[in-house]
Amino acid sequence: MYQDNDLKRIGEMKNLAPADFTAWVNLDAITGRKDGKIPHKVRELIAVAVAHTTQCPYCIKVHTKNAKKAGASKEEVAEAVFLAAAIRSSGAAAHGGMALRYYDEE
């Protein structure tokens, strides 16, 4: 479903919604900050984990490569992925209570 060529369409989106595009670019730039309290490598590892929870293949690719450039090891990337998996599965379990409540409703 996902194709790398789809990323080329972001330029079209920029033309269609320039103010929104600029706001998104500025928001996205916080991931790469090097002057924050959270070190750059950790920021990218967080981004890797979040990308796995949002299931964005483009974000996974970009942030994994950025994490490597920032000095993250392959083991750190793997741990970030499993942290994301653990949190995501916990969300499913937490929503299980809702399923049981709906089941018990008249």
PDB file of N, CA and C in Angstrom:
ATOM      1  N   MET A   1       0.820  -1.196   0.000  1.00  0.00           N
ATOM      2  CA  MET A   1       0.000   0.000   0.000  1.00  0.00           C
ATOM      3  C   MET A   1       0.859   1.251   0.000  1.00  0.00           C
ATOM      4  N   TYR A   2       1.851   1.299   0.883  1.00  0.00           N
ATOM      5  CA  TYR A   2       2.719   2.462   0.953  1.00  0.00           C
ATOM      6  C   TYR A   2       3.779   2.383  -0.135  1.00  0.00           C
ATOM      7  N   GLN A   3       4.030   3.525  -0.739  1.00  0.00           N
ATOM      8  CA  GLN A   3       5.063   3.610  -1.770  1.00  0.00           C
ATOM      9  C   GLN A   3       5.912   4.837  -1.503  1.00  0.00           C
ATOM     10  N   ASP A   4       7.230   4.680  -1.625  1.00  0.00           N
ATOM     11  CA  ASP A   4       8.125   5.814  -1.390  1.00  0.00           C
ATOM     12  C   ASP A   4       7.798   7.000  -2.295  1.00  0.00           C
ATOM     13  N   ASN A   5       7.288   6.734  -3.493  1.00  0.00           N
ATOM     14  CA  ASN A   5       6.955   7.822  -4.420  1.00  0.00           C
ATOM     15  C   ASN A   5       5.826   8.704  -3.891  1.00  0.00           C
ATOM     16  N   ASP A   6       5.013   8.160  -2.983  1.00  0.00           N
ATOM     17  CA  ASP A   6       3.928   8.965  -2.409  1.00  0.00           C
ATOM     18  C   ASP A   6       4.472  10.181  -1.662  1.00  0.00           C
ATOM     19  N   LEU A   7       5.679  10.061  -1.141  1.00  0.00           N
ATOM     20  CA  LEU A   7       6.273  11.190  -0.417  1.00  0.00           C
ATOM     21  C   LEU A   7       6.454  12.407  -1.309  1.00  0.00           C
ATOM     22  N   LYS A   8       6.597  12.179  -2.597  1.00  0.00           N
ATOM     23  CA  LYS A   8       6.743  13.302  -3.534  1.00  0.00           C
ATOM     24  C   LYS A   8       5.485  14.160  -3.576  1.00  0.00           C
ATOM     25  N   ARG A   9       4.381  13.603  -3.167  1.00  0.00           N
ATOM     26  CA  ARG A   9       3.113  14.347  -3.168  1.00  0.00           C
ATOM     27  C   ARG A   9       3.021  15.356  -2.027  1.00  0.00           C
ATOM     28  N   ILE A  10       3.954  15.279  -1.097  1.00  0.00           N
ATOM     29  CA  ILE A  10       3.944  16.254  -0.001  1.00  0.00           C
ATOM     30  C   ILE A  10       4.123  17.663  -0.558  1.00  0.00           C
ATOM     31  N   GLY A  11       4.913  17.790  -1.621  1.00  0.00           N
ATOM     32  CA  GLY A  11       5.053  19.092  -2.269  1.00  0.00           C
ATOM     33  C   GLY A  11       3.728  19.621  -2.781  1.00  0.00           C
ATOM     34  N   GLU A  12       2.903  18.741  -3.294  1.00  0.00           N
ATOM     35  CA  GLU A  12       1.574  19.129  -3.755  1.00  0.00           C
ATOM     36  C   GLU A  12       0.722  19.586  -2.567  1.00  0.00           C
ATOM     37  N   MET A  13       0.845  18.870  -1.459  1.00  0.00           N
ATOM     38  CA  MET A  13       0.094  19.260  -0.259  1.00  0.00           C
ATOM     39  C   MET A  13       0.544  20.635   0.224  1.00  0.00           C
ATOM     40  N   LYS A  14       1.840  20.913   0.109  1.00  0.00           N
ATOM     41  CA  LYS A  14       2.359  22.230   0.501  1.00  0.00           C
ATOM     42  C   LYS A  14       1.676  23.324  -0.309  1.00  0.00           C
ATOM     43  N   ASN A  15       1.505  23.083  -1.590  1.00  0.00           N
ATOM     44  CA  ASN A  15       0.854  24.079  -2.457  1.00  0.00           C
ATOM     45  C   ASN A  15      -0.632  24.213  -2.153  1.00  0.00           C
ATOM     46  N   LEU A  16      -1.250  23.115  -1.746  1.00  0.00           N
ATOM     47  CA  LEU A  16      -2.688  23.137  -1.487  1.00  0.00           C
ATOM     48  C   LEU A  16      -3.043  23.758  -0.138  1.00  0.00           C
ATOM     49  N   ALA A  17      -2.142  23.624   0.846  1.00  0.00           N
ATOM     50  CA  ALA A  17      -2.401  24.147   2.193  1.00  0.00           C
ATOM     51  C   ALA A  17      -1.100  24.686   2.784  1.00  0.00           C
ATOM     52  N   PRO A  18      -0.602  25.813   2.245  1.00  0.00           N
ATOM     53  CA  PRO A  18       0.726  26.297   2.638  1.00  0.00           C
ATOM     54  C   PRO A  18       0.877  26.645   4.118  1.00  0.00           C
ATOM     55  N   ALA A  19      -0.096  27.273   4.722  1.00  0.00           N
ATOM     56  CA  ALA A  19       0.021  27.648   6.135  1.00  0.00           C
ATOM     57  C   ALA A  19       0.039  26.401   7.020  1.00  0.00           C
ATOM     58  N   ASP A  20      -0.824  25.461   6.723  1.00  0.00           N
ATOM     59  CA  ASP A  20      -0.863  24.221   7.495  1.00  0.00           C
ATOM     60  C   ASP A  20       0.421  23.424   7.305  1.00  0.00           C
ATOM     61  N   PHE A  21       0.924  23.418   6.090  1.00  0.00           N
ATOM     62  CA  PHE A  21       2.174  22.715   5.807  1.00  0.00           C
ATOM     63  C   PHE A  21       3.316  23.306   6.627  1.00  0.00           C
ATOM     64  N   THR A  22       3.403  24.620   6.667  1.00  0.00           N
ATOM     65  CA  THR A  22       4.463  25.289   7.431  1.00  0.00           C
ATOM     66  C   THR A  22       4.351  24.963   8.914  1.00  0.00           C
ATOM     67  N   ALA A  23       3.139  24.965   9.435  1.00  0.00           N
ATOM     68  CA  ALA A  23       2.935  24.632  10.848  1.00  0.00           C
ATOM     69  C   ALA A  23       3.380  23.196  11.120  1.00  0.00           C
ATOM     70  N   TRP A  24       3.059  22.291  10.219  1.00  0.00           N
ATOM     71  CA  TRP A  24       3.453  20.885  10.385  1.00  0.00           C
ATOM     72  C   TRP A  24       4.972  20.736  10.324  1.00  0.00           C
ATOM     73  N   VAL A  25       5.610  21.396   9.388  1.00  0.00           N
ATOM     74  CA  VAL A  25       7.079  21.330   9.265  1.00  0.00           C
ATOM     75  C   VAL A  25       7.727  21.855  10.546  1.00  0.00           C
ATOM     76  N   ASN A  26       7.215  22.953  11.070  1.00  0.00           N
ATOM     77  CA  ASN A  26       7.773  23.516  12.307  1.00  0.00           C
ATOM     78  C   ASN A  26       7.572  22.564  13.482  1.00  0.00           C
ATOM     79  N   LEU A  27       6.421  21.925  13.547  1.00  0.00           N
ATOM     80  CA  LEU A  27       6.164  20.965  14.620  1.00  0.00           C
ATOM     81  C   LEU A  27       7.077  19.748  14.474  1.00  0.00           C
ATOM     82  N   ASP A  28       7.207  19.257  13.262  1.00  0.00           N
ATOM     83  CA  ASP A  28       8.049  18.085  13.007  1.00  0.00           C
ATOM     84  C   ASP A  28       9.517  18.365  13.330  1.00  0.00           C
ATOM     85  N   ALA A  29       9.930  19.606  13.213  1.00  0.00           N
ATOM     86  CA  ALA A  29      11.336  19.970  13.452  1.00  0.00           C
ATOM     87  C   ALA A  29      11.767  19.768  14.902  1.00  0.00           C
ATOM     88  N   ILE A  30      10.833  19.686  15.828  1.00  0.00           N
ATOM     89  CA  ILE A  30      11.242  19.516  17.229  1.00  0.00           C
ATOM     90  C   ILE A  30      11.906  18.174  17.465  1.00  0.00           C
ATOM     91  N   THR A  31      11.632  17.202  16.616  1.00  0.00           N
ATOM     92  CA  THR A  31      12.265  15.890  16.768  1.00  0.00           C
ATOM     93  C   THR A  31      13.777  16.009  16.620  1.00  0.00           C
ATOM     94  N   GLY A  32      14.215  16.800  15.679  1.00  0.00           N
ATOM     95  CA  GLY A  32      15.639  16.925  15.393  1.00  0.00           C
ATOM     96  C   GLY A  32      16.389  17.951  16.221  1.00  0.00           C
ATOM     97  N   ARG A  33      15.702  18.577  17.166  1.00  0.00           N
ATOM     98  CA  ARG A  33      16.369  19.583  18.003  1.00  0.00           C
ATOM     99  C   ARG A  33      17.574  19.006  18.708  1.00  0.00           C
ATOM    100  N   LYS A  34      18.615  19.799  18.776  1.00  0.00           N
ATOM    101  CA  LYS A  34      19.827  19.371  19.473  1.00  0.00           C
ATOM    102  C   LYS A  34      20.088  20.232  20.703  1.00  0.00           C
ATOM    103  N   ASP A  35      19.216  21.208  20.948  1.00  0.00           N
ATOM    104  CA  ASP A  35      19.423  22.126  22.069  1.00  0.00           C
ATOM    105  C   ASP A  35      18.435  21.902  23.213  1.00  0.00           C
ATOM    106  N   GLY A  36      17.653  20.839  23.140  1.00  0.00           N
ATOM    107  CA  GLY A  36      16.668  20.573  24.187  1.00  0.00           C
ATOM    108  C   GLY A  36      17.283  19.821  25.354  1.00  0.00           C
ATOM    109  N   LYS A  37      16.516  19.638  26.391  1.00  0.00           N
ATOM    110  CA  LYS A  37      16.954  18.892  27.569  1.00  0.00           C
ATOM    111  C   LYS A  37      17.074  17.398  27.264  1.00  0.00           C
ATOM    112  N   ILE A  38      16.247  16.894  26.333  1.00  0.00           N
ATOM    113  CA  ILE A  38      16.337  15.493  25.914  1.00  0.00           C
ATOM    114  C   ILE A  38      17.385  15.411  24.805  1.00  0.00           C
ATOM    115  N   PRO A  39      18.399  14.576  24.969  1.00  0.00           N
ATOM    116  CA  PRO A  39      19.441  14.464  23.943  1.00  0.00           C
ATOM    117  C   PRO A  39      18.860  14.021  22.592  1.00  0.00           C
ATOM    118  N   HIS A  40      19.516  14.450  21.529  1.00  0.00           N
ATOM    119  CA  HIS A  40      19.049  14.182  20.163  1.00  0.00           C
ATOM    120  C   HIS A  40      18.841  12.684  19.916  1.00  0.00           C
ATOM    121  N   LYS A  41      19.778  11.863  20.337  1.00  0.00           N
ATOM    122  CA  LYS A  41      19.649  10.414  20.130  1.00  0.00           C
ATOM    123  C   LYS A  41      18.379   9.891  20.795  1.00  0.00           C
ATOM    124  N   VAL A  42      18.102  10.349  22.006  1.00  0.00           N
ATOM    125  CA  VAL A  42      16.910   9.899  22.725  1.00  0.00           C
ATOM    126  C   VAL A  42      15.650  10.398  22.022  1.00  0.00           C
ATOM    127  N   ARG A  43      15.686  11.618  21.530  1.00  0.00           N
ATOM    128  CA  ARG A  43      14.549  12.163  20.774  1.00  0.00           C
ATOM    129  C   ARG A  43      14.229  11.257  19.584  1.00  0.00           C
ATOM    130  N   GLU A  44      15.266  10.849  18.868  1.00  0.00           N
ATOM    131  CA  GLU A  44      15.043  10.006  17.691  1.00  0.00           C
ATOM    132  C   GLU A  44      14.559   8.618  18.093  1.00  0.00           C
ATOM    133  N   LEU A  45      15.058   8.079  19.202  1.00  0.00           N
ATOM    134  CA  LEU A  45      14.560   6.780  19.665  1.00  0.00           C
ATOM    135  C   LEU A  45      13.093   6.878  20.081  1.00  0.00           C
ATOM    136  N   ILE A  46      12.720   7.982  20.707  1.00  0.00           N
ATOM    137  CA  ILE A  46      11.309   8.207  21.038  1.00  0.00           C
ATOM    138  C   ILE A  46      10.495   8.264  19.743  1.00  0.00           C
ATOM    139  N   ALA A  47      11.024   8.962  18.749  1.00  0.00           N
ATOM    140  CA  ALA A  47      10.327   9.069  17.464  1.00  0.00           C
ATOM    141  C   ALA A  47      10.182   7.702  16.799  1.00  0.00           C
ATOM    142  N   VAL A  48      11.203   6.856  16.913  1.00  0.00           N
ATOM    143  CA  VAL A  48      11.112   5.495  16.372  1.00  0.00           C
ATOM    144  C   VAL A  48       9.963   4.751  17.052  1.00  0.00           C
ATOM    145  N   ALA A  49       9.903   4.837  18.378  1.00  0.00           N
ATOM    146  CA  ALA A  49       8.838   4.153  19.118  1.00  0.00           C
ATOM    147  C   ALA A  49       7.463   4.689  18.725  1.00  0.00           C
ATOM    148  N   VAL A  50       7.320   5.995  18.670  1.00  0.00           N
ATOM    149  CA  VAL A  50       6.033   6.595  18.316  1.00  0.00           C
ATOM    150  C   VAL A  50       5.642   6.224  16.888  1.00  0.00           C
ATOM    151  N   ALA A  51       6.616   6.219  15.989  1.00  0.00           N
ATOM    152  CA  ALA A  51       6.337   5.847  14.598  1.00  0.00           C
ATOM    153  C   ALA A  51       5.776   4.431  14.507  1.00  0.00           C
ATOM    154  N   HIS A  52       6.252   3.562  15.388  1.00  0.00           N
ATOM    155  CA  HIS A  52       5.723   2.205  15.387  1.00  0.00           C
ATOM    156  C   HIS A  52       4.302   2.160  15.956  1.00  0.00           C
ATOM    157  N   THR A  53       3.985   3.025  16.907  1.00  0.00           N
ATOM    158  CA  THR A  53       2.620   3.023  17.433  1.00  0.00           C
ATOM    159  C   THR A  53       1.649   3.666  16.449  1.00  0.00           C
ATOM    160  N   THR A  54       2.110   4.660  15.690  1.00  0.00           N
ATOM    161  CA  THR A  54       1.249   5.276  14.678  1.00  0.00           C
ATOM    162  C   THR A  54       1.270   4.495  13.377  1.00  0.00           C
ATOM    163  N   GLN A  55       2.209   3.575  13.274  1.00  0.00           N
ATOM    164  CA  GLN A  55       2.356   2.694  12.118  1.00  0.00           C
ATOM    165  C   GLN A  55       2.603   3.458  10.823  1.00  0.00           C
ATOM    166  N   CYS A  56       3.426   4.486  10.906  1.00  0.00           N
ATOM    167  CA  CYS A  56       3.788   5.263   9.715  1.00  0.00           C
ATOM    168  C   CYS A  56       5.103   4.724   9.150  1.00  0.00           C
ATOM    169  N   PRO A  57       5.074   4.040   8.016  1.00  0.00           N
ATOM    170  CA  PRO A  57       6.299   3.453   7.484  1.00  0.00           C
ATOM    171  C   PRO A  57       7.347   4.496   7.110  1.00  0.00           C
ATOM    172  N   TYR A  58       6.897   5.653   6.665  1.00  0.00           N
ATOM    173  CA  TYR A  58       7.849   6.710   6.306  1.00  0.00           C
ATOM    174  C   TYR A  58       8.557   7.231   7.551  1.00  0.00           C
ATOM    175  N   CYS A  59       7.794   7.416   8.630  1.00  0.00           N
ATOM    176  CA  CYS A  59       8.375   7.889   9.892  1.00  0.00           C
ATOM    177  C   CYS A  59       9.333   6.851  10.463  1.00  0.00           C
ATOM    178  N   ILE A  60       8.965   5.577  10.364  1.00  0.00           N
ATOM    179  CA  ILE A  60       9.847   4.510  10.836  1.00  0.00           C
ATOM    180  C   ILE A  60      11.181   4.589  10.109  1.00  0.00           C
ATOM    181  N   LYS A  61      11.124   4.725   8.809  1.00  0.00           N
ATOM    182  CA  LYS A  61      12.348   4.782   7.993  1.00  0.00           C
ATOM    183  C   LYS A  61      13.197   5.998   8.350  1.00  0.00           C
ATOM    184  N   VAL A  62      12.594   7.161   8.349  1.00  0.00           N
ATOM    185  CA  VAL A  62      13.330   8.404   8.592  1.00  0.00           C
ATOM    186  C   VAL A  62      13.925   8.436   9.998  1.00  0.00           C
ATOM    187  N   HIS A  63      13.119   8.109  10.994  1.00  0.00           N
ATOM    188  CA  HIS A  63      13.601   8.234  12.367  1.00  0.00           C
ATOM    189  C   HIS A  63      14.576   7.122  12.754  1.00  0.00           C
ATOM    190  N   THR A  64      14.444   5.945  12.145  1.00  0.00           N
ATOM    191  CA  THR A  64      15.447   4.904  12.383  1.00  0.00           C
ATOM    192  C   THR A  64      16.793   5.337  11.825  1.00  0.00           C
ATOM    193  N   LYS A  65      16.782   5.882  10.618  1.00  0.00           N
ATOM    194  CA  LYS A  65      18.037   6.366  10.018  1.00  0.00           C
ATOM    195  C   LYS A  65      18.607   7.538  10.823  1.00  0.00           C
ATOM    196  N   ASN A  66      17.734   8.431  11.287  1.00  0.00           N
ATOM    197  CA  ASN A  66      18.199   9.564  12.101  1.00  0.00           C
ATOM    198  C   ASN A  66      18.752   9.094  13.447  1.00  0.00           C
ATOM    199  N   ALA A  67      18.120   8.089  14.039  1.00  0.00           N
ATOM    200  CA  ALA A  67      18.610   7.555  15.308  1.00  0.00           C
ATOM    201  C   ALA A  67      19.998   6.952  15.125  1.00  0.00           C
ATOM    202  N   LYS A  68      20.196   6.231  14.040  1.00  0.00           N
ATOM    203  CA  LYS A  68      21.518   5.651  13.752  1.00  0.00           C
ATOM    204  C   LYS A  68      22.560   6.751  13.604  1.00  0.00           C
ATOM    205  N   LYS A  69      22.219   7.804  12.845  1.00  0.00           N
ATOM    206  CA  LYS A  69      23.148   8.929  12.666  1.00  0.00           C
ATOM    207  C   LYS A  69      23.453   9.625  13.984  1.00  0.00           C
ATOM    208  N   ALA A  70      22.470   9.617  14.893  1.00  0.00           N
ATOM    209  CA  ALA A  70      22.648  10.275  16.196  1.00  0.00           C
ATOM    210  C   ALA A  70      23.407   9.391  17.180  1.00  0.00           C
ATOM    211  N   GLY A  71      23.775   8.184  16.749  1.00  0.00           N
ATOM    212  CA  GLY A  71      24.583   7.314  17.597  1.00  0.00           C
ATOM    213  C   GLY A  71      23.846   6.181  18.267  1.00  0.00           C
ATOM    214  N   ALA A  72      22.582   5.986  17.938  1.00  0.00           N
ATOM    215  CA  ALA A  72      21.822   4.893  18.536  1.00  0.00           C
ATOM    216  C   ALA A  72      22.293   3.559  17.960  1.00  0.00           C
ATOM    217  N   SER A  73      22.375   2.574  18.827  1.00  0.00           N
ATOM    218  CA  SER A  73      22.766   1.240  18.382  1.00  0.00           C
ATOM    219  C   SER A  73      21.546   0.496  17.841  1.00  0.00           C
ATOM    220  N   LYS A  74      21.800  -0.590  17.150  1.00  0.00           N
ATOM    221  CA  LYS A  74      20.724  -1.439  16.652  1.00  0.00           C
ATOM    222  C   LYS A  74      19.919  -2.000  17.822  1.00  0.00           C
ATOM    223  N   GLU A  75      20.615  -2.313  18.911  1.00  0.00           N
ATOM    224  CA  GLU A  75      19.943  -2.825  20.109  1.00  0.00           C
ATOM    225  C   GLU A  75      19.005  -1.775  20.704  1.00  0.00           C
ATOM    226  N   GLU A  76      19.431  -0.513  20.723  1.00  0.00           N
ATOM    227  CA  GLU A  76      18.568   0.555  21.243  1.00  0.00           C
ATOM    228  C   GLU A  76      17.327   0.730  20.381  1.00  0.00           C
ATOM    229  N   VAL A  77      17.492   0.627  19.071  1.00  0.00           N
ATOM    230  CA  VAL A  77      16.341   0.730  18.168  1.00  0.00           C
ATOM    231  C   VAL A  77      15.381  -0.423  18.435  1.00  0.00           C
ATOM    232  N   ALA A  78      15.921  -1.636  18.585  1.00  0.00           N
ATOM    233  CA  ALA A  78      15.068  -2.797  18.861  1.00  0.00           C
ATOM    234  C   ALA A  78      14.312  -2.618  20.179  1.00  0.00           C
ATOM    235  N   GLU A  79      14.987  -2.113  21.209  1.00  0.00           N
ATOM    236  CA  GLU A  79      14.318  -1.877  22.483  1.00  0.00           C
ATOM    237  C   GLU A  79      13.209  -0.839  22.345  1.00  0.00           C
ATOM    238  N   ALA A  80      13.470   0.206  21.566  1.00  0.00           N
ATOM    239  CA  ALA A  80      12.440   1.239  21.346  1.00  0.00           C
ATOM    240  C   ALA A  80      11.212   0.630  20.682  1.00  0.00           C
ATOM    241  N   VAL A  81      11.426  -0.259  19.726  1.00  0.00           N
ATOM    242  CA  VAL A  81      10.312  -0.920  19.041  1.00  0.00           C
ATOM    243  C   VAL A  81       9.505  -1.759  20.029  1.00  0.00           C
ATOM    244  N   PHE A  82      10.189  -2.517  20.892  1.00  0.00           N
ATOM    245  CA  PHE A  82       9.462  -3.354  21.849  1.00  0.00           C
ATOM    246  C   PHE A  82       8.793  -2.534  22.943  1.00  0.00           C
ATOM    247  N   LEU A  83       9.360  -1.391  23.302  1.00  0.00           N
ATOM    248  CA  LEU A  83       8.668  -0.494  24.229  1.00  0.00           C
ATOM    249  C   LEU A  83       7.355  -0.029  23.612  1.00  0.00           C
ATOM    250  N   ALA A  84       7.415   0.336  22.340  1.00  0.00           N
ATOM    251  CA  ALA A  84       6.200   0.765  21.643  1.00  0.00           C
ATOM    252  C   ALA A  84       5.180  -0.368  21.590  1.00  0.00           C
ATOM    253  N   ALA A  85       5.647  -1.578  21.309  1.00  0.00           N
ATOM    254  CA  ALA A  85       4.748  -2.735  21.238  1.00  0.00           C
ATOM    255  C   ALA A  85       4.081  -2.982  22.588  1.00  0.00           C
ATOM    256  N   ALA A  86       4.846  -2.844  23.667  1.00  0.00           N
ATOM    257  CA  ALA A  86       4.292  -3.061  25.001  1.00  0.00           C
ATOM    258  C   ALA A  86       3.217  -2.035  25.328  1.00  0.00           C
ATOM    259  N   ILE A  87       3.489  -0.777  25.029  1.00  0.00           N
ATOM    260  CA  ILE A  87       2.515   0.282  25.311  1.00  0.00           C
ATOM    261  C   ILE A  87       1.274   0.107  24.445  1.00  0.00           C
ATOM    262  N   ARG A  88       1.483  -0.219  23.178  1.00  0.00           N
ATOM    263  CA  ARG A  88       0.342  -0.400  22.274  1.00  0.00           C
ATOM    264  C   ARG A  88      -0.524  -1.572  22.740  1.00  0.00           C
ATOM    265  N   SER A  89       0.089  -2.667  23.154  1.00  0.00           N
ATOM    266  CA  SER A  89      -0.701  -3.819  23.604  1.00  0.00           C
ATOM    267  C   SER A  89      -1.434  -3.502  24.900  1.00  0.00           C
ATOM    268  N   SER A  90      -0.830  -2.680  25.737  1.00  0.00           N
ATOM    269  CA  SER A  90      -1.500  -2.283  26.978  1.00  0.00           C
ATOM    270  C   SER A  90      -2.764  -1.492  26.689  1.00  0.00           C
ATOM    271  N   GLY A  91      -2.720  -0.685  25.657  1.00  0.00           N
ATOM    272  CA  GLY A  91      -3.914   0.059  25.258  1.00  0.00           C
ATOM    273  C   GLY A  91      -5.045  -0.876  24.867  1.00  0.00           C
ATOM    274  N   ALA A  92      -4.691  -1.936  24.158  1.00  0.00           N
ATOM    275  CA  ALA A  92      -5.710  -2.915  23.761  1.00  0.00           C
ATOM    276  C   ALA A  92      -6.299  -3.593  24.992  1.00  0.00           C
ATOM    277  N   ALA A  93      -5.447  -3.950  25.937  1.00  0.00           N
ATOM    278  CA  ALA A  93      -5.935  -4.599  27.157  1.00  0.00           C
ATOM    279  C   ALA A  93      -6.824  -3.649  27.950  1.00  0.00           C
ATOM    280  N   ALA A  94      -6.422  -2.384  28.046  1.00  0.00           N
ATOM    281  CA  ALA A  94      -7.219  -1.401  28.781  1.00  0.00           C
ATOM    282  C   ALA A  94      -8.602  -1.229  28.151  1.00  0.00           C
ATOM    283  N   HIS A  95      -8.662  -1.272  26.833  1.00  0.00           N
ATOM    284  CA  HIS A  95      -9.949  -1.152  26.156  1.00  0.00           C
ATOM    285  C   HIS A  95     -10.798  -2.410  26.319  1.00  0.00           C
ATOM    286  N   GLY A  96     -10.169  -3.494  26.772  1.00  0.00           N
ATOM    287  CA  GLY A  96     -10.922  -4.719  27.033  1.00  0.00           C
ATOM    288  C   GLY A  96     -12.005  -4.515  28.072  1.00  0.00           C
ATOM    289  N   GLY A  97     -11.744  -3.639  29.017  1.00  0.00           N
ATOM    290  CA  GLY A  97     -12.768  -3.308  30.012  1.00  0.00           C
ATOM    291  C   GLY A  97     -14.005  -2.722  29.368  1.00  0.00           C
ATOM    292  N   MET A  98     -13.803  -1.919  28.330  1.00  0.00           N
ATOM    293  CA  MET A  98     -14.943  -1.358  27.605  1.00  0.00           C
ATOM    294  C   MET A  98     -15.740  -2.465  26.935  1.00  0.00           C
ATOM    295  N   ALA A  99     -15.010  -3.430  26.337  1.00  0.00           N
ATOM    296  CA  ALA A  99     -15.694  -4.533  25.666  1.00  0.00           C
ATOM    297  C   ALA A  99     -16.562  -5.303  26.661  1.00  0.00           C
ATOM    298  N   LEU A 100     -16.017  -5.551  27.847  1.00  0.00           N
ATOM    299  CA  LEU A 100     -16.793  -6.296  28.855  1.00  0.00           C
ATOM    300  C   LEU A 100     -18.009  -5.486  29.327  1.00  0.00           C
ATOM    301  N   ARG A 101     -17.833  -4.159  29.462  1.00  0.00           N
ATOM    302  CA  ARG A 101     -18.954  -3.316  29.864  1.00  0.00           C
ATOM    303  C   ARG A 101     -20.042  -3.363  28.807  1.00  0.00           C
ATOM    304  N   TYR A 102     -19.661  -3.244  27.527  1.00  0.00           N
ATOM    305  CA  TYR A 102     -20.659  -3.295  26.449  1.00  0.00           C
ATOM    306  C   TYR A 102     -21.370  -4.648  26.427  1.00  0.00           C
ATOM    307  N   TYR A 103     -20.610  -5.690  26.705  1.00  0.00           N
ATOM    308  CA  TYR A 103     -21.189  -7.034  26.727  1.00  0.00           C
ATOM    309  C   TYR A 103     -22.253  -7.144  27.813  1.00  0.00           C
ATOM    310  N   ASP A 104     -21.977  -6.522  28.959  1.00  0.00           N
ATOM    311  CA  ASP A 104     -22.887  -6.624  30.103  1.00  0.00           C
ATOM    312  C   ASP A 104     -24.088  -5.693  30.006  1.00  0.00           C
ATOM    313  N   GLU A 105     -24.059  -4.728  29.091  1.00  0.00           N
ATOM    314  CA  GLU A 105     -25.186  -3.807  28.950  1.00  0.00           C
ATOM    315  C   GLU A 105     -26.409  -4.542  28.430  1.00  0.00           C
ATOM    316  N   GLU A 106     -27.523  -4.102  28.904  1.00  0.00           N
ATOM    317  CA  GLU A 106     -28.810  -4.697  28.473  1.00  0.00           C
ATOM    318  C   GLU A 106     -29.152  -4.260  27.087  1.00  0.00           C
TER     319      GLU A 106
END
